[in-house]
């Protein structure tokens, strides 16, 4: 049974920074593409960023390009999301997700390609 555990969320002021971490167990981490999604109150869950199995390919939603960076450490079974220049509209619960093994050579974007999810970590950006 794969487990994904997010950490690093919290309350930060506008223009501040946070780094989210997601530890993965129960699966050969290096064989899977990973992603970050977020869900704000009253809104659908949306794609934020993804990374292929090796870390060489990444994708970002336009709203976070230039501010967020996804990375992974396969030796530590962990994927990260470094967030800078945070805005109040970044406030959401952030979820880590692991893609189906079939998609490991790309940085997937579509939600259905991800088949394992963490419980989420709250990020609140005050103005």
Foldseek 3Di string as FASTA:
>chain_A
DKAKAKDWADEEAAQAKIKMKIAIDDDQLLLWKKFKWWDDPPGDIAGAKIAASVRPAMDGDPVQPPFWDWGDDSVRRMIMIIGGRDDQVVWTWMKMFIFDSVCRVHGDGDPVRTDDIHPTDTHGYHD
